[in-house]
Amino acid sequence: MMNHVPPGLSSDTTDKARLELNENPDTLHRDIQQVRDMIVTRPDIGFLRTDDDFILRFLRARKFDHVETFRLLAQYFQFRQQNLDMFQSFKVDDPSIKRALMDGFPGVLEAPDQHGRKILILFASNWDQSRNSFIDILRAILLSLEVLIENPELQINGFTLIIDWSNFSFKQASKLTPNILKLAIEGLQDSFPARFGGIHFVNQPWYIHAMYTIIKPFLKDKTRKRIFLHGNNLNSLHQLIQPECLPSEFGGTLPPYDMGMWARTLLGPDYNDETEYTLTYDALHVRESCCGGGGEKDMMKRSQSTVEAAALQQMDRETSTPLLALD
């Protein structure tokens, strides 16, 4: 019987879990079992993983509300069932995922923010649509979150996301169809056990405002309240994330973000831009480096690997009505 907080938690985080998430070490085993007992109510869904550690991350994401936790757990597997093509070859060495990771989707900062949240960054203009479909990028983000959420500290402290829209063209934006944006919202907001403390838009042009207006109805109130549109006002960003936690691109005191760093962390110590890999995200070094806070310090140039023909999955999704038409 598990009647203590799982290993890997600092005493501060243990207190935070108790105060903010209603986590009680004495009833943990019972909480997990009550959620597990609900699985029989959804025979239409294949619950592929039901161990204690796995269910615990869902409880933390929904503040130990058993019904809401089970709803999220069911959504997690239902989303994967309904989008099977997205989760085939769902590993770091899949060529499409690897290409997105090497282009910096997502960026993952080594140090957390002042609240202990992991900072994810997306430089939108780096999206080369001849290399990566939006689905590839979404898969790389979801896979990165799967790896990061193994860390119990992050299950409690959560994440913060910064999207820099500098130099993101109207042409690039026109590829963001309502269907694929809705897919991203379903995957990240409704079907994943992560707590997002803030989603920050920086340097967004008018057409990204327009896009935001269109997706707003799909966002929960809670999510809406956590989206901050800073424009080019970095001071308002710094009021929420201290400059000491940010790279220089966001007016922070850290050096510029190294695009290949997270890819190298996932792909292992032998990673370089020319090598082919056979490692999957279950590899031991991944657990050690990203969940133990290690990671490489050496700066390497951004991936300049040769462009492979982008195998765009789900063409129907990507070519449906554009969000922003030029005429």
Protein backbone atom coordinates (compact mmCIF):
# COMPACT_ATOMS: atom_id res chain seq x y z
CA MET A 1 0.00 0.00 0.00
CA MET A 2 1.35 3.42 -0.95
CA ASN A 3 0.92 5.68 2.08
CA HIS A 4 3.71 8.16 1.52
CA VAL A 5 4.51 10.77 -1.08
CA PRO A 6 6.34 9.07 -3.97
CA PRO A 7 10.09 9.64 -4.10
CA GLY A 8 11.44 12.56 -6.07
CA LEU A 9 9.51 15.30 -4.27
CA SER A 10 11.12 18.10 -2.29
CA SER A 11 9.45 19.06 0.98
CA ASP A 12 8.31 22.37 -0.59
CA THR A 13 6.61 20.52 -3.41
CA THR A 14 5.03 18.06 -0.97
CA ASP A 15 3.55 21.03 0.93
CA LYS A 16 2.39 22.62 -2.33
CA ALA A 17 0.69 19.36 -3.37
CA ARG A 18 -1.14 19.25 -0.07
CA LEU A 19 -2.20 22.91 -0.08
CA GLU A 20 -2.96 23.48 -3.77
CA LEU A 21 -3.91 20.01 -5.02
CA ASN A 22 -5.54 18.44 -1.94
CA GLU A 23 -2.97 15.64 -2.02
CA ASN A 24 -2.97 13.58 1.15
CA PRO A 25 -0.20 10.97 1.50
CA ASP A 26 -2.40 8.94 3.88
CA THR A 27 -5.23 8.48 1.38
CA LEU A 28 -3.17 8.34 -1.82
CA HIS A 29 -3.66 4.63 -2.37
CA ARG A 30 -7.42 4.93 -1.86
CA ASP A 31 -7.65 7.94 -4.20
CA ILE A 32 -5.84 6.03 -6.94
CA GLN A 33 -8.01 2.94 -6.45
CA GLN A 34 -11.27 4.94 -6.61
CA VAL A 35 -10.27 6.32 -10.01
CA ARG A 36 -9.17 2.87 -11.19
CA ASP A 37 -12.55 1.43 -10.12
CA MET A 38 -14.33 3.77 -12.58
CA ILE A 39 -12.59 2.24 -15.62
CA VAL A 40 -15.30 -0.42 -15.95
CA THR A 41 -17.82 2.35 -16.74
CA ARG A 42 -16.11 3.03 -20.10
CA PRO A 43 -15.73 -0.32 -21.90
CA ASP A 44 -15.53 1.63 -25.19
CA ILE A 45 -12.06 2.91 -24.28
CA GLY A 46 -8.85 0.90 -24.08
CA PHE A 47 -7.09 2.02 -20.89
CA LEU A 48 -3.60 0.93 -21.88
CA ARG A 49 -1.93 1.93 -18.63
CA THR A 50 -3.46 1.93 -15.15
CA ASP A 51 -0.56 1.66 -12.69
CA ASP A 52 -0.41 3.84 -9.56
CA ASP A 53 2.19 6.31 -10.85
CA PHE A 54 0.24 6.85 -14.05
CA ILE A 55 -3.12 7.50 -12.37
CA LEU A 56 -1.44 9.76 -9.81
CA ARG A 57 -0.39 12.30 -12.47
CA PHE A 58 -4.05 12.61 -13.53
CA LEU A 59 -5.18 13.10 -9.92
CA ARG A 60 -2.64 15.89 -9.54
CA ALA A 61 -3.75 17.52 -12.79
CA ARG A 62 -7.36 17.65 -11.49
CA LYS A 63 -6.69 18.46 -7.83
CA PHE A 64 -7.73 15.01 -6.61
CA ASP A 65 -11.34 15.39 -7.77
CA HIS A 66 -12.01 11.73 -8.60
CA VAL A 67 -14.72 12.33 -11.20
CA GLU A 68 -12.73 15.02 -13.04
CA THR A 69 -9.60 12.86 -12.82
CA PHE A 70 -11.37 9.92 -14.41
CA ARG A 71 -12.83 12.17 -17.11
CA LEU A 72 -9.30 13.33 -18.00
CA LEU A 73 -7.92 9.78 -17.93
CA ALA A 74 -10.70 8.62 -20.28
CA GLN A 75 -10.14 11.63 -22.58
CA TYR A 76 -6.41 10.88 -22.68
CA PHE A 77 -6.97 7.39 -24.11
CA GLN A 78 -9.98 8.41 -26.21
CA PHE A 79 -7.94 11.14 -27.92
CA ARG A 80 -5.27 8.56 -28.75
CA GLN A 81 -7.91 6.11 -29.99
CA GLN A 82 -9.56 8.73 -32.22
CA ASN A 83 -6.25 9.98 -33.65
CA LEU A 84 -4.39 6.72 -34.15
CA ASP A 85 -2.30 8.10 -37.01
CA MET A 86 -0.83 10.77 -34.70
CA PHE A 87 0.37 8.15 -32.22
CA GLN A 88 1.84 5.62 -34.62
CA SER A 89 5.63 5.59 -34.30
CA PHE A 90 5.19 8.02 -31.40
CA LYS A 91 8.86 8.13 -30.40
CA VAL A 92 11.88 10.37 -30.68
CA ASP A 93 13.46 8.53 -33.59
CA ASP A 94 10.37 8.86 -35.80
CA PRO A 95 11.70 11.02 -38.69
CA SER A 96 8.87 13.60 -38.52
CA ILE A 97 9.06 14.00 -34.75
CA LYS A 98 12.85 14.12 -34.83
CA ARG A 99 12.80 16.82 -37.50
CA ALA A 100 10.38 18.96 -35.46
CA LEU A 101 12.48 18.51 -32.30
CA MET A 102 15.67 19.45 -34.17
CA ASP A 103 13.97 22.63 -35.39
CA GLY A 104 13.24 23.59 -31.78
CA PHE A 105 9.62 22.43 -31.45
CA PRO A 106 9.35 22.66 -28.56
CA GLY A 107 12.17 24.49 -26.83
CA VAL A 108 12.56 23.43 -23.19
CA LEU A 109 14.55 25.64 -20.81
CA GLU A 110 16.76 23.84 -18.34
CA ALA A 111 15.92 25.98 -15.33
CA PRO A 112 12.33 26.38 -14.10
CA ASP A 113 10.58 29.71 -13.49
CA GLN A 114 10.27 31.18 -9.99
CA HIS A 115 7.26 28.91 -9.28
CA GLY A 116 9.12 25.73 -10.21
CA ARG A 117 7.28 25.44 -13.55
CA LYS A 118 9.09 24.07 -16.59
CA ILE A 119 9.29 26.73 -19.31
CA LEU A 120 8.48 25.60 -22.85
CA ILE A 121 9.15 27.99 -25.73
CA LEU A 122 8.01 28.03 -29.34
CA PHE A 123 9.55 30.34 -31.92
CA ALA A 124 6.68 30.28 -34.40
CA SER A 125 8.62 31.69 -37.36
CA ASN A 126 10.98 28.68 -37.24
CA TRP A 127 8.13 26.59 -38.61
CA ASP A 128 9.40 25.61 -42.05
CA GLN A 129 6.27 24.24 -43.66
CA SER A 130 8.26 22.35 -46.27
CA ARG A 131 9.90 20.36 -43.44
CA ASN A 132 7.21 19.94 -40.80
CA SER A 133 3.44 19.72 -40.86
CA PHE A 134 1.56 21.26 -37.93
CA ILE A 135 0.67 17.69 -36.89
CA ASP A 136 4.40 16.81 -36.69
CA ILE A 137 4.99 19.78 -34.40
CA LEU A 138 2.01 18.86 -32.22
CA ARG A 139 3.30 15.27 -31.97
CA ALA A 140 6.76 16.51 -30.93
CA ILE A 141 5.20 18.75 -28.25
CA LEU A 142 2.98 15.95 -26.91
CA LEU A 143 5.91 13.53 -26.87
CA SER A 144 8.07 16.08 -25.01
CA LEU A 145 5.31 16.54 -22.44
CA GLU A 146 5.06 12.74 -22.00
CA VAL A 147 8.76 12.64 -21.15
CA LEU A 148 8.64 15.68 -18.85
CA ILE A 149 5.48 14.63 -16.97
CA GLU A 150 7.35 11.56 -15.68
CA ASN A 151 8.93 13.99 -13.21
CA PRO A 152 6.63 14.18 -10.13
CA GLU A 153 7.84 17.73 -9.37
CA LEU A 154 6.45 18.87 -12.72
CA GLN A 155 3.17 17.04 -12.16
CA ILE A 156 2.71 19.38 -9.21
CA ASN A 157 4.45 22.59 -10.33
CA GLY A 158 3.32 22.38 -13.95
CA PHE A 159 4.43 24.23 -17.05
CA THR A 160 4.44 27.66 -18.58
CA LEU A 161 4.48 28.19 -22.35
CA ILE A 162 5.86 31.17 -24.28
CA ILE A 163 5.07 31.52 -27.98
CA ASP A 164 7.11 34.13 -29.85
CA TRP A 165 5.26 35.18 -33.03
CA SER A 166 8.04 37.51 -34.32
CA ASN A 167 8.38 37.26 -38.12
CA PHE A 168 5.56 34.71 -38.33
CA SER A 169 4.12 35.45 -41.75
CA PHE A 170 0.52 35.71 -42.84
CA LYS A 171 1.26 32.85 -45.24
CA GLN A 172 2.43 30.66 -42.36
CA ALA A 173 -0.62 31.66 -40.31
CA SER A 174 -2.97 30.70 -43.13
CA LYS A 175 -1.94 27.06 -42.57
CA LEU A 176 -3.43 27.18 -39.06
CA THR A 177 -6.89 25.89 -39.93
CA PRO A 178 -9.65 25.77 -37.29
CA ASN A 179 -9.59 21.95 -37.49
CA ILE A 180 -5.95 21.55 -36.59
CA LEU A 181 -6.08 24.26 -33.93
CA LYS A 182 -9.05 22.48 -32.37
CA LEU A 183 -7.03 19.24 -32.49
CA ALA A 184 -4.17 20.95 -30.63
CA ILE A 185 -6.55 22.30 -27.99
CA GLU A 186 -8.14 18.87 -27.54
CA GLY A 187 -4.72 17.24 -27.22
CA LEU A 188 -3.23 19.75 -24.80
CA GLN A 189 -6.14 21.20 -22.82
CA ASP A 190 -8.63 18.35 -22.63
CA SER A 191 -6.56 15.17 -22.88
CA PHE A 192 -3.23 15.65 -21.15
CA PRO A 193 -2.43 15.56 -17.40
CA ALA A 194 -0.34 18.75 -17.28
CA ARG A 195 -1.01 21.90 -15.31
CA PHE A 196 -0.35 25.01 -17.40
CA GLY A 197 0.25 28.04 -15.21
CA GLY A 198 0.47 30.47 -18.12
CA ILE A 199 0.48 30.68 -21.91
CA HIS A 200 2.25 33.82 -23.08
CA PHE A 201 2.00 35.29 -26.59
CA VAL A 202 4.85 37.65 -27.45
CA ASN A 203 5.19 39.89 -30.53
CA GLN A 204 1.95 38.63 -32.02
CA PRO A 205 0.73 40.33 -35.26
CA TRP A 206 -2.93 41.30 -35.84
CA TYR A 207 -3.72 38.05 -37.64
CA ILE A 208 -2.71 36.04 -34.58
CA HIS A 209 -5.18 38.14 -32.57
CA ALA A 210 -7.78 37.19 -35.21
CA MET A 211 -6.84 33.51 -34.86
CA TYR A 212 -7.13 33.74 -31.07
CA THR A 213 -10.64 35.18 -31.37
CA ILE A 214 -11.67 32.20 -33.50
CA ILE A 215 -10.28 29.55 -31.13
CA LYS A 216 -11.55 31.25 -27.93
CA PRO A 217 -14.86 29.32 -27.86
CA PHE A 218 -12.91 26.03 -27.66
CA LEU A 219 -11.00 27.19 -24.59
CA LYS A 220 -12.15 26.58 -21.04
CA ASP A 221 -12.55 29.70 -18.87
CA LYS A 222 -9.62 28.52 -16.79
CA THR A 223 -7.41 28.31 -19.92
CA ARG A 224 -8.55 31.73 -21.19
CA LYS A 225 -7.59 33.34 -17.90
CA ARG A 226 -4.08 31.93 -18.29
CA ILE A 227 -3.44 33.26 -21.79
CA PHE A 228 -1.56 36.56 -21.79
CA LEU A 229 -1.13 38.62 -24.97
CA HIS A 230 1.96 40.73 -24.32
CA GLY A 231 2.58 42.11 -27.80
CA ASN A 232 6.05 43.66 -27.76
CA ASN A 233 5.77 44.65 -24.10
CA LEU A 234 8.34 42.41 -22.42
CA ASN A 235 7.85 44.23 -19.10
CA SER A 236 4.42 42.64 -18.71
CA LEU A 237 6.01 39.23 -19.42
CA HIS A 238 8.70 39.93 -16.78
CA GLN A 239 6.01 40.67 -14.18
CA LEU A 240 4.90 37.05 -14.54
CA ILE A 241 8.20 35.29 -15.35
CA GLN A 242 11.34 36.76 -13.83
CA PRO A 243 14.04 37.84 -16.36
CA GLU A 244 16.54 35.60 -14.50
CA CYS A 245 14.56 32.61 -15.81
CA LEU A 246 14.46 33.75 -19.45
CA PRO A 247 16.86 33.73 -22.42
CA SER A 248 17.89 37.02 -24.03
CA GLU A 249 15.27 36.68 -26.81
CA PHE A 250 12.65 37.49 -24.15
CA GLY A 251 14.68 40.24 -22.49
CA GLY A 252 16.03 37.77 -19.96
CA THR A 253 19.49 37.48 -18.44
CA LEU A 254 20.16 33.93 -19.74
CA PRO A 255 22.10 33.41 -23.02
CA PRO A 256 20.12 32.99 -26.27
CA TYR A 257 18.20 29.71 -26.47
CA ASP A 258 20.08 26.88 -28.18
CA MET A 259 17.54 25.32 -30.57
CA GLY A 260 19.11 21.86 -30.58
CA MET A 261 19.41 21.43 -26.82
CA TRP A 262 16.15 19.63 -26.08
CA ALA A 263 16.56 17.39 -29.16
CA ARG A 264 20.05 16.44 -27.94
CA THR A 265 18.70 15.73 -24.46
CA LEU A 266 16.05 13.40 -25.87
CA LEU A 267 18.23 11.79 -28.53
CA GLY A 268 21.05 11.09 -26.15
CA PRO A 269 24.71 11.79 -25.52
CA ASP A 270 25.78 10.69 -29.01
CA TYR A 271 23.47 13.15 -30.75
CA ASN A 272 24.79 15.24 -33.58
CA ASP A 273 23.08 16.67 -36.62
CA GLU A 274 24.32 13.97 -39.00
CA THR A 275 23.69 10.80 -37.00
CA GLU A 276 20.67 8.54 -37.37
CA TYR A 277 19.21 7.26 -34.10
CA THR A 278 17.47 4.20 -32.89
CA LEU A 279 16.69 5.35 -29.36
CA THR A 280 13.12 5.74 -28.18
CA TYR A 281 11.88 8.04 -25.44
CA ASP A 282 11.96 5.14 -22.98
CA ALA A 283 15.75 5.24 -23.10
CA LEU A 284 17.25 5.48 -19.64
CA HIS A 285 19.37 8.56 -20.30
CA VAL A 286 16.21 10.55 -21.07
CA ARG A 287 14.79 9.86 -17.64
CA GLU A 288 18.08 10.87 -16.06
CA SER A 289 18.77 14.00 -18.05
CA CYS A 290 15.35 15.60 -18.29
CA CYS A 291 13.81 14.39 -15.09
CA GLY A 292 16.92 14.66 -12.95
CA GLY A 293 17.63 18.19 -14.16
CA GLY A 294 20.89 17.36 -15.95
CA GLY A 295 21.19 18.26 -19.60
CA GLU A 296 24.04 19.40 -21.74
CA LYS A 297 25.69 22.76 -21.34
CA ASP A 298 27.63 22.83 -24.58
CA MET A 299 26.17 25.05 -27.25
CA MET A 300 25.71 23.49 -30.65
CA LYS A 301 24.60 25.08 -33.85
CA ARG A 302 20.97 24.82 -34.79
CA SER A 303 20.24 21.72 -36.83
CA GLN A 304 21.20 22.23 -40.47
CA SER A 305 20.44 18.66 -41.45
CA THR A 306 19.31 18.02 -44.98
CA VAL A 307 15.64 18.51 -45.68
CA GLU A 308 13.78 15.26 -46.01
CA ALA A 309 10.53 15.22 -47.95
CA ALA A 310 7.89 16.04 -45.36
CA ALA A 311 5.45 13.19 -45.21
CA LEU A 312 2.39 15.23 -44.34
CA GLN A 313 -0.08 13.10 -42.47
CA GLN A 314 -3.74 13.86 -42.52
CA MET A 315 -3.75 16.08 -45.56
CA ASP A 316 -7.46 16.62 -45.19
CA ARG A 317 -6.94 18.33 -41.83
CA GLU A 318 -4.17 20.51 -43.10
CA THR A 319 -5.84 21.63 -46.31
CA SER A 320 -9.31 22.30 -44.96
CA THR A 321 -10.65 25.86 -44.82
CA PRO A 322 -7.86 28.28 -43.99
CA LEU A 323 -8.39 30.38 -40.89
CA LEU A 324 -7.31 33.52 -42.68
CA ALA A 325 -7.92 33.86 -46.39
CA LEU A 326 -6.15 36.49 -48.43
CA ASP A 327 -9.26 37.49 -50.37
